[in-house]
Amino acid sequence: MEESPLHQFELHNWIPISFGGVDISINQAVVFMWIIVALASMVMVMAGSSRRLVPGKLQSLAEMMVEFIRNMILDTMGKEGMRFFPFVATLFLFILFSNYIGLIPGTYTVTSQIIVTAAFSFLVYGISLVIGFWLHGIKFLGILVPPGTPGWLVPLMIPIEIISQIARPVSLAVRLFANMTAGHVMLAVLFSLTIGGGLLIGWLPFVFTVAIYGLEFGIAFIQAYIFTILTCVYLGDAFHLHGHEEHAH
């Protein structure tokens, strides 16, 4: 009997724990989140502990990532957005390491769990709402009326914008979850066809497996980038209310 390609996403309790009737067992997703946090922290600490005028490979890689994240923040939020650099950088590195570690056979893709991506996306959107109301008060509701909207269109635009706002965290969570899940399912199907096809016709799905695997390397980075840049855009909207206020680098 062939194994379902969805089997790789099943969670199994490695250490069953129940507290007050609530299941807080440690499964493979929890363990891999610990590994991802430890690995990302170790890489950044090692890169920063041996800073040289002529950087080595690890220091160069870390500096490129820092500069990349810094530019994302400046382009979307301006200089005042740099106060969120630790949050944005942590989010980007966690998703990036999750996506890449999930590509290693035998590991687990944390970002293939909708509860994980939803937790991050609703956290991001919640922070943007808090910032918006904190900075602008009740005027932040002006985000529901795009600039230049004629007065007679306002009653129609407000419900549309409310739906658009609700869709933001949902689409942010589903996009990352769906992309990581779909890619791994496709690889599992192609790999099973390679094994099932044998030497005679198995080479064809094997070629596609290698090609899709290479494509997944690019998608892993792109999805981390999209999640992070949209995070910066949502936070930037909270700062600038649809760009009503000017911001500069």
C-alpha atoms as a PDB file:
ATOM      1  CA  MET A   1       0.000   0.000   0.000  1.00  0.00           C
ATOM      2  CA  GLU A   2       1.484   3.352  -1.056  1.00  0.00           C
ATOM      3  CA  GLU A   3       2.001   5.999   1.588  1.00  0.00           C
ATOM      4  CA  SER A   4      -0.068   9.163   1.242  1.00  0.00           C
ATOM      5  CA  PRO A   5       1.972  12.250   0.215  1.00  0.00           C
ATOM      6  CA  LEU A   6       0.241  14.040   3.092  1.00  0.00           C
ATOM      7  CA  HIS A   7       1.690  11.591   5.617  1.00  0.00           C
ATOM      8  CA  GLN A   8       4.797  13.792   5.985  1.00  0.00           C
ATOM      9  CA  PHE A   9       2.690  16.564   7.558  1.00  0.00           C
ATOM     10  CA  GLU A  10       1.131  14.414  10.277  1.00  0.00           C
ATOM     11  CA  LEU A  11       2.109  15.357  13.808  1.00  0.00           C
ATOM     12  CA  HIS A  12       3.063  12.693  16.335  1.00  0.00           C
ATOM     13  CA  ASN A  13       3.458  13.343  20.037  1.00  0.00           C
ATOM     14  CA  TRP A  14       7.040  12.516  20.987  1.00  0.00           C
ATOM     15  CA  ILE A  15       6.569  13.535  24.624  1.00  0.00           C
ATOM     16  CA  PRO A  16       2.876  13.399  25.675  1.00  0.00           C
ATOM     17  CA  ILE A  17       2.056  16.168  28.172  1.00  0.00           C
ATOM     18  CA  SER A  18      -1.356  17.194  29.490  1.00  0.00           C
ATOM     19  CA  PHE A  19      -1.842  20.243  31.717  1.00  0.00           C
ATOM     20  CA  GLY A  20      -5.289  20.888  33.190  1.00  0.00           C
ATOM     21  CA  GLY A  21      -6.889  18.748  30.518  1.00  0.00           C
ATOM     22  CA  VAL A  22      -5.119  20.689  27.754  1.00  0.00           C
ATOM     23  CA  ASP A  23      -2.831  18.741  25.425  1.00  0.00           C
ATOM     24  CA  ILE A  24       0.548  20.515  25.314  1.00  0.00           C
ATOM     25  CA  SER A  25       2.512  17.502  24.089  1.00  0.00           C
ATOM     26  CA  ILE A  26       5.839  17.989  22.379  1.00  0.00           C
ATOM     27  CA  ASN A  27       5.669  16.842  18.771  1.00  0.00           C
ATOM     28  CA  GLN A  28       8.142  17.010  15.892  1.00  0.00           C
ATOM     29  CA  ALA A  29       6.987  20.529  14.898  1.00  0.00           C
ATOM     30  CA  VAL A  30       7.844  21.843  18.365  1.00  0.00           C
ATOM     31  CA  VAL A  31      11.241  20.147  18.325  1.00  0.00           C
ATOM     32  CA  PHE A  32      12.081  21.524  14.891  1.00  0.00           C
ATOM     33  CA  MET A  33      11.045  25.015  15.975  1.00  0.00           C
ATOM     34  CA  TRP A  34      13.593  24.715  18.809  1.00  0.00           C
ATOM     35  CA  ILE A  35      16.202  23.512  16.323  1.00  0.00           C
ATOM     36  CA  ILE A  36      15.441  26.398  13.936  1.00  0.00           C
ATOM     37  CA  VAL A  37      15.705  29.011  16.693  1.00  0.00           C
ATOM     38  CA  ALA A  38      18.958  27.467  17.968  1.00  0.00           C
ATOM     39  CA  LEU A  39      20.475  27.191  14.486  1.00  0.00           C
ATOM     40  CA  ALA A  40      19.525  30.721  13.381  1.00  0.00           C
ATOM     41  CA  SER A  41      20.799  32.157  16.664  1.00  0.00           C
ATOM     42  CA  MET A  42      24.038  30.197  16.411  1.00  0.00           C
ATOM     43  CA  VAL A  43      24.690  31.377  12.842  1.00  0.00           C
ATOM     44  CA  MET A  44      24.119  35.047  13.696  1.00  0.00           C
ATOM     45  CA  VAL A  45      26.153  34.849  16.932  1.00  0.00           C
ATOM     46  CA  MET A  46      29.063  33.134  15.166  1.00  0.00           C
ATOM     47  CA  ALA A  47      28.934  35.718  12.372  1.00  0.00           C
ATOM     48  CA  GLY A  48      28.954  38.579  14.858  1.00  0.00           C
ATOM     49  CA  SER A  49      31.553  37.179  17.241  1.00  0.00           C
ATOM     50  CA  SER A  50      34.398  37.292  14.738  1.00  0.00           C
ATOM     51  CA  ARG A  51      33.847  40.626  13.020  1.00  0.00           C
ATOM     52  CA  ARG A  52      36.716  41.558  10.755  1.00  0.00           C
ATOM     53  CA  LEU A  53      37.490  44.489   8.480  1.00  0.00           C
ATOM     54  CA  VAL A  54      37.723  41.982   5.631  1.00  0.00           C
ATOM     55  CA  PRO A  55      34.720  39.755   6.367  1.00  0.00           C
ATOM     56  CA  GLY A  56      34.764  35.997   6.013  1.00  0.00           C
ATOM     57  CA  LYS A  57      32.028  33.999   4.261  1.00  0.00           C
ATOM     58  CA  LEU A  58      29.741  33.716   7.310  1.00  0.00           C
ATOM     59  CA  GLN A  59      30.154  37.382   8.232  1.00  0.00           C
ATOM     60  CA  SER A  60      29.494  38.410   4.615  1.00  0.00           C
ATOM     61  CA  LEU A  61      26.342  36.280   4.516  1.00  0.00           C
ATOM     62  CA  ALA A  62      25.104  37.770   7.797  1.00  0.00           C
ATOM     63  CA  GLU A  63      25.855  41.319   6.647  1.00  0.00           C
ATOM     64  CA  MET A  64      24.007  40.711   3.380  1.00  0.00           C
ATOM     65  CA  MET A  65      20.942  39.450   5.285  1.00  0.00           C
ATOM     66  CA  VAL A  66      21.037  42.410   7.675  1.00  0.00           C
ATOM     67  CA  GLU A  67      21.358  44.871   4.791  1.00  0.00           C
ATOM     68  CA  PHE A  68      18.563  43.090   2.889  1.00  0.00           C
ATOM     69  CA  ILE A  69      16.174  43.329   5.855  1.00  0.00           C
ATOM     70  CA  ARG A  70      17.221  46.928   6.570  1.00  0.00           C
ATOM     71  CA  ASN A  71      16.388  47.960   2.996  1.00  0.00           C
ATOM     72  CA  MET A  72      12.975  46.261   3.195  1.00  0.00           C
ATOM     73  CA  ILE A  73      12.139  48.269   6.304  1.00  0.00           C
ATOM     74  CA  LEU A  74      13.417  51.599   4.932  1.00  0.00           C
ATOM     75  CA  ASP A  75      11.566  51.138   1.626  1.00  0.00           C
ATOM     76  CA  THR A  76       8.223  50.438   3.294  1.00  0.00           C
ATOM     77  CA  MET A  77       8.270  52.152   6.681  1.00  0.00           C
ATOM     78  CA  GLY A  78      11.014  54.763   6.519  1.00  0.00           C
ATOM     79  CA  LYS A  79      13.558  55.434   9.251  1.00  0.00           C
ATOM     80  CA  GLU A  80      10.998  55.230  12.063  1.00  0.00           C
ATOM     81  CA  GLY A  81      10.359  51.610  11.061  1.00  0.00           C
ATOM     82  CA  MET A  82      13.901  50.651  12.118  1.00  0.00           C
ATOM     83  CA  ARG A  83      12.628  50.295  15.690  1.00  0.00           C
ATOM     84  CA  PHE A  84      10.970  47.106  14.414  1.00  0.00           C
ATOM     85  CA  PHE A  85      14.194  45.744  12.929  1.00  0.00           C
ATOM     86  CA  PRO A  86      14.624  43.044  15.639  1.00  0.00           C
ATOM     87  CA  PHE A  87      11.043  41.824  15.133  1.00  0.00           C
ATOM     88  CA  VAL A  88      11.185  41.851  11.316  1.00  0.00           C
ATOM     89  CA  ALA A  89      14.642  40.241  11.234  1.00  0.00           C
ATOM     90  CA  THR A  90      13.590  37.499  13.657  1.00  0.00           C
ATOM     91  CA  LEU A  91      10.469  36.783  11.606  1.00  0.00           C
ATOM     92  CA  PHE A  92      12.403  36.645   8.323  1.00  0.00           C
ATOM     93  CA  LEU A  93      15.176  34.424   9.673  1.00  0.00           C
ATOM     94  CA  PHE A  94      12.741  32.024  11.370  1.00  0.00           C
ATOM     95  CA  ILE A  95      10.652  31.552   8.217  1.00  0.00           C
ATOM     96  CA  LEU A  96      13.755  31.324   6.002  1.00  0.00           C
ATOM     97  CA  PHE A  97      15.435  28.701   8.190  1.00  0.00           C
ATOM     98  CA  SER A  98      12.106  26.812   8.561  1.00  0.00           C
ATOM     99  CA  ASN A  99      11.633  26.651   4.809  1.00  0.00           C
ATOM    100  CA  TYR A 100      15.198  25.525   4.074  1.00  0.00           C
ATOM    101  CA  ILE A 101      15.489  23.017   6.906  1.00  0.00           C
ATOM    102  CA  GLY A 102      12.196  21.510   5.714  1.00  0.00           C
ATOM    103  CA  LEU A 103      13.841  20.719   2.385  1.00  0.00           C
ATOM    104  CA  ILE A 104      16.309  18.339   4.059  1.00  0.00           C
ATOM    105  CA  PRO A 105      14.977  14.776   3.758  1.00  0.00           C
ATOM    106  CA  GLY A 106      13.860  13.380   7.120  1.00  0.00           C
ATOM    107  CA  THR A 107      13.173  16.782   8.672  1.00  0.00           C
ATOM    108  CA  TYR A 108       9.862  18.552   9.259  1.00  0.00           C
ATOM    109  CA  THR A 109       8.592  21.721   7.546  1.00  0.00           C
ATOM    110  CA  VAL A 110       7.252  23.899  10.362  1.00  0.00           C
ATOM    111  CA  THR A 111       5.761  26.418   7.916  1.00  0.00           C
ATOM    112  CA  SER A 112       3.568  23.665   6.428  1.00  0.00           C
ATOM    113  CA  GLN A 113       1.375  23.966   9.542  1.00  0.00           C
ATOM    114  CA  ILE A 114      -1.417  26.525   9.098  1.00  0.00           C
ATOM    115  CA  ILE A 115      -1.522  27.121  12.861  1.00  0.00           C
ATOM    116  CA  VAL A 116       2.095  28.326  12.749  1.00  0.00           C
ATOM    117  CA  THR A 117       1.676  30.645   9.752  1.00  0.00           C
ATOM    118  CA  ALA A 118      -1.683  31.897  11.114  1.00  0.00           C
ATOM    119  CA  ALA A 119      -0.127  32.664  14.505  1.00  0.00           C
ATOM    120  CA  PHE A 120       2.577  34.781  12.835  1.00  0.00           C
ATOM    121  CA  SER A 121       0.208  36.549  10.439  1.00  0.00           C
ATOM    122  CA  PHE A 122      -2.379  37.465  13.093  1.00  0.00           C
ATOM    123  CA  LEU A 123       0.438  38.608  15.387  1.00  0.00           C
ATOM    124  CA  VAL A 124       1.759  40.884  12.639  1.00  0.00           C
ATOM    125  CA  TYR A 125      -1.675  42.261  11.824  1.00  0.00           C
ATOM    126  CA  GLY A 126      -2.517  42.740  15.512  1.00  0.00           C
ATOM    127  CA  ILE A 127       0.708  44.722  16.032  1.00  0.00           C
ATOM    128  CA  SER A 128      -0.121  46.908  13.020  1.00  0.00           C
ATOM    129  CA  LEU A 129      -3.563  47.701  14.496  1.00  0.00           C
ATOM    130  CA  VAL A 130      -2.068  48.561  17.886  1.00  0.00           C
ATOM    131  CA  ILE A 131       0.518  50.844  16.271  1.00  0.00           C
ATOM    132  CA  GLY A 132      -2.107  52.492  14.072  1.00  0.00           C
ATOM    133  CA  PHE A 133      -4.482  53.337  16.920  1.00  0.00           C
ATOM    134  CA  TRP A 134      -1.579  54.274  19.208  1.00  0.00           C
ATOM    135  CA  LEU A 135      -0.135  56.773  16.710  1.00  0.00           C
ATOM    136  CA  HIS A 136      -3.318  58.116  15.104  1.00  0.00           C
ATOM    137  CA  GLY A 137      -6.135  57.357  17.532  1.00  0.00           C
ATOM    138  CA  ILE A 138      -9.582  57.232  15.950  1.00  0.00           C
ATOM    139  CA  LYS A 139      -8.139  58.789  12.763  1.00  0.00           C
ATOM    140  CA  PHE A 140      -6.585  55.407  12.029  1.00  0.00           C
ATOM    141  CA  LEU A 141     -10.028  54.317  10.826  1.00  0.00           C
ATOM    142  CA  GLY A 142      -9.268  56.551   7.841  1.00  0.00           C
ATOM    143  CA  ILE A 143      -7.370  53.565   6.468  1.00  0.00           C
ATOM    144  CA  LEU A 144     -10.807  52.260   5.443  1.00  0.00           C
ATOM    145  CA  VAL A 145     -11.220  55.160   3.005  1.00  0.00           C
ATOM    146  CA  PRO A 146      -8.517  55.260   0.314  1.00  0.00           C
ATOM    147  CA  PRO A 147      -7.259  58.748  -0.623  1.00  0.00           C
ATOM    148  CA  GLY A 148      -9.270  60.441  -3.371  1.00  0.00           C
ATOM    149  CA  THR A 149     -12.445  58.414  -2.767  1.00  0.00           C
ATOM    150  CA  PRO A 150     -15.536  60.506  -3.748  1.00  0.00           C
ATOM    151  CA  GLY A 151     -17.901  61.163  -0.852  1.00  0.00           C
ATOM    152  CA  TRP A 152     -20.773  59.237  -2.424  1.00  0.00           C
ATOM    153  CA  LEU A 153     -18.552  56.129  -2.671  1.00  0.00           C
ATOM    154  CA  VAL A 154     -17.514  56.131   1.009  1.00  0.00           C
ATOM    155  CA  PRO A 155     -20.498  54.001   2.249  1.00  0.00           C
ATOM    156  CA  LEU A 156     -19.598  51.399  -0.373  1.00  0.00           C
ATOM    157  CA  MET A 157     -15.821  51.543   0.129  1.00  0.00           C
ATOM    158  CA  ILE A 158     -15.874  51.068   3.914  1.00  0.00           C
ATOM    159  CA  PRO A 159     -17.342  47.502   3.899  1.00  0.00           C
ATOM    160  CA  ILE A 160     -15.056  46.597   0.991  1.00  0.00           C
ATOM    161  CA  GLU A 161     -12.017  47.888   2.866  1.00  0.00           C
ATOM    162  CA  ILE A 162     -13.104  46.046   6.046  1.00  0.00           C
ATOM    163  CA  ILE A 163     -13.204  42.785   4.065  1.00  0.00           C
ATOM    164  CA  SER A 164      -9.828  43.682   2.550  1.00  0.00           C
ATOM    165  CA  GLN A 165      -8.356  44.265   6.005  1.00  0.00           C
ATOM    166  CA  ILE A 166      -9.719  40.943   7.315  1.00  0.00           C
ATOM    167  CA  ALA A 167      -8.294  39.181   4.255  1.00  0.00           C
ATOM    168  CA  ARG A 168      -4.783  40.479   4.985  1.00  0.00           C
ATOM    169  CA  PRO A 169      -3.804  38.095   7.821  1.00  0.00           C
ATOM    170  CA  VAL A 170      -5.761  35.235   6.248  1.00  0.00           C
ATOM    171  CA  SER A 171      -4.011  35.539   2.883  1.00  0.00           C
ATOM    172  CA  LEU A 172      -0.644  36.023   4.597  1.00  0.00           C
ATOM    173  CA  ALA A 173      -1.074  32.764   6.515  1.00  0.00           C
ATOM    174  CA  VAL A 174      -2.563  30.705   3.683  1.00  0.00           C
ATOM    175  CA  ARG A 175      -0.009  31.833   1.077  1.00  0.00           C
ATOM    176  CA  LEU A 176       2.997  30.581   3.046  1.00  0.00           C
ATOM    177  CA  PHE A 177       1.258  27.415   4.266  1.00  0.00           C
ATOM    178  CA  ALA A 178      -0.098  26.519   0.812  1.00  0.00           C
ATOM    179  CA  ASN A 179       3.174  27.093  -1.028  1.00  0.00           C
ATOM    180  CA  MET A 180       5.255  25.024   1.367  1.00  0.00           C
ATOM    181  CA  THR A 181       2.661  22.236   1.537  1.00  0.00           C
ATOM    182  CA  ALA A 182       2.077  22.062  -2.228  1.00  0.00           C
ATOM    183  CA  GLY A 183       5.785  21.906  -3.015  1.00  0.00           C
ATOM    184  CA  HIS A 184       6.448  19.070  -0.583  1.00  0.00           C
ATOM    185  CA  VAL A 185       3.387  17.115  -1.782  1.00  0.00           C
ATOM    186  CA  MET A 186       4.575  17.423  -5.378  1.00  0.00           C
ATOM    187  CA  LEU A 187       8.065  16.217  -4.430  1.00  0.00           C
ATOM    188  CA  ALA A 188       6.584  13.256  -2.536  1.00  0.00           C
ATOM    189  CA  VAL A 189       4.377  12.265  -5.503  1.00  0.00           C
ATOM    190  CA  LEU A 190       7.232  12.540  -8.006  1.00  0.00           C
ATOM    191  CA  PHE A 191       9.559  10.581  -5.741  1.00  0.00           C
ATOM    192  CA  SER A 192       6.993   7.791  -5.368  1.00  0.00           C
ATOM    193  CA  LEU A 193       6.588   7.689  -9.158  1.00  0.00           C
ATOM    194  CA  THR A 194      10.376   7.436  -9.481  1.00  0.00           C
ATOM    195  CA  ILE A 195      10.467   4.452  -7.132  1.00  0.00           C
ATOM    196  CA  GLY A 196       7.378   2.864  -8.695  1.00  0.00           C
ATOM    197  CA  GLY A 197       8.553   3.385 -12.277  1.00  0.00           C
ATOM    198  CA  GLY A 198      11.795   1.474 -11.820  1.00  0.00           C
ATOM    199  CA  LEU A 199      14.769   1.881 -14.138  1.00  0.00           C
ATOM    200  CA  LEU A 200      12.673   1.784 -17.317  1.00  0.00           C
ATOM    201  CA  ILE A 201      10.484   4.883 -16.871  1.00  0.00           C
ATOM    202  CA  GLY A 202      11.464   6.040 -13.384  1.00  0.00           C
ATOM    203  CA  TRP A 203      14.110   8.382 -14.775  1.00  0.00           C
ATOM    204  CA  LEU A 204      11.479  10.798 -16.090  1.00  0.00           C
ATOM    205  CA  PRO A 205       9.816  11.621 -12.740  1.00  0.00           C
ATOM    206  CA  PHE A 206      13.322  11.606 -11.208  1.00  0.00           C
ATOM    207  CA  VAL A 207      14.350  14.427 -13.555  1.00  0.00           C
ATOM    208  CA  PHE A 208      11.239  16.376 -12.570  1.00  0.00           C
ATOM    209  CA  THR A 209      11.974  15.647  -8.887  1.00  0.00           C
ATOM    210  CA  VAL A 210      15.426  17.213  -9.187  1.00  0.00           C
ATOM    211  CA  ALA A 211      14.013  20.188 -11.109  1.00  0.00           C
ATOM    212  CA  ILE A 212      11.196  20.795  -8.607  1.00  0.00           C
ATOM    213  CA  TYR A 213      13.624  20.372  -5.716  1.00  0.00           C
ATOM    214  CA  GLY A 214      15.804  23.117  -7.201  1.00  0.00           C
ATOM    215  CA  LEU A 215      12.721  25.270  -7.691  1.00  0.00           C
ATOM    216  CA  GLU A 216      11.748  24.755  -4.053  1.00  0.00           C
ATOM    217  CA  PHE A 217      15.055  26.330  -2.991  1.00  0.00           C
ATOM    218  CA  GLY A 218      14.011  29.518  -4.737  1.00  0.00           C
ATOM    219  CA  ILE A 219      10.441  29.332  -3.432  1.00  0.00           C
ATOM    220  CA  ALA A 220      11.706  28.895   0.139  1.00  0.00           C
ATOM    221  CA  PHE A 221      13.476  32.254  -0.068  1.00  0.00           C
ATOM    222  CA  ILE A 222      10.703  34.003  -2.034  1.00  0.00           C
ATOM    223  CA  GLN A 223       8.023  32.971   0.466  1.00  0.00           C
ATOM    224  CA  ALA A 224      10.121  34.209   3.398  1.00  0.00           C
ATOM    225  CA  TYR A 225      10.635  37.473   1.499  1.00  0.00           C
ATOM    226  CA  ILE A 226       6.924  37.881   0.620  1.00  0.00           C
ATOM    227  CA  PHE A 227       5.821  37.242   4.205  1.00  0.00           C
ATOM    228  CA  THR A 228       8.360  39.732   5.540  1.00  0.00           C
ATOM    229  CA  ILE A 229       7.795  42.473   2.958  1.00  0.00           C
ATOM    230  CA  LEU A 230       4.014  42.278   3.516  1.00  0.00           C
ATOM    231  CA  THR A 231       4.674  42.514   7.242  1.00  0.00           C
ATOM    232  CA  CYS A 232       6.633  45.720   6.587  1.00  0.00           C
ATOM    233  CA  VAL A 233       3.837  47.034   4.311  1.00  0.00           C
ATOM    234  CA  TYR A 234       1.153  46.423   6.960  1.00  0.00           C
ATOM    235  CA  LEU A 235       3.275  48.078   9.647  1.00  0.00           C
ATOM    236  CA  GLY A 236       4.072  50.897   7.205  1.00  0.00           C
ATOM    237  CA  ASP A 237       0.352  51.461   6.555  1.00  0.00           C
ATOM    238  CA  ALA A 238      -0.135  51.777  10.297  1.00  0.00           C
ATOM    239  CA  PHE A 239       2.584  54.431  10.381  1.00  0.00           C
ATOM    240  CA  HIS A 240       1.560  56.393   7.330  1.00  0.00           C
ATOM    241  CA  LEU A 241      -2.172  55.732   6.759  1.00  0.00           C
ATOM    242  CA  HIS A 242      -2.083  54.803   3.050  1.00  0.00           C
ATOM    243  CA  GLY A 243       0.884  57.118   2.519  1.00  0.00           C
ATOM    244  CA  HIS A 244      -0.880  60.232   3.782  1.00  0.00           C
ATOM    245  CA  GLU A 245       2.314  61.137   5.577  1.00  0.00           C
ATOM    246  CA  GLU A 246       5.634  61.380   3.866  1.00  0.00           C
ATOM    247  CA  HIS A 247       8.421  59.119   4.912  1.00  0.00           C
ATOM    248  CA  ALA A 248      11.973  59.108   3.769  1.00  0.00           C
ATOM    249  CA  HIS A 249      14.899  56.774   3.948  1.00  0.00           C
END
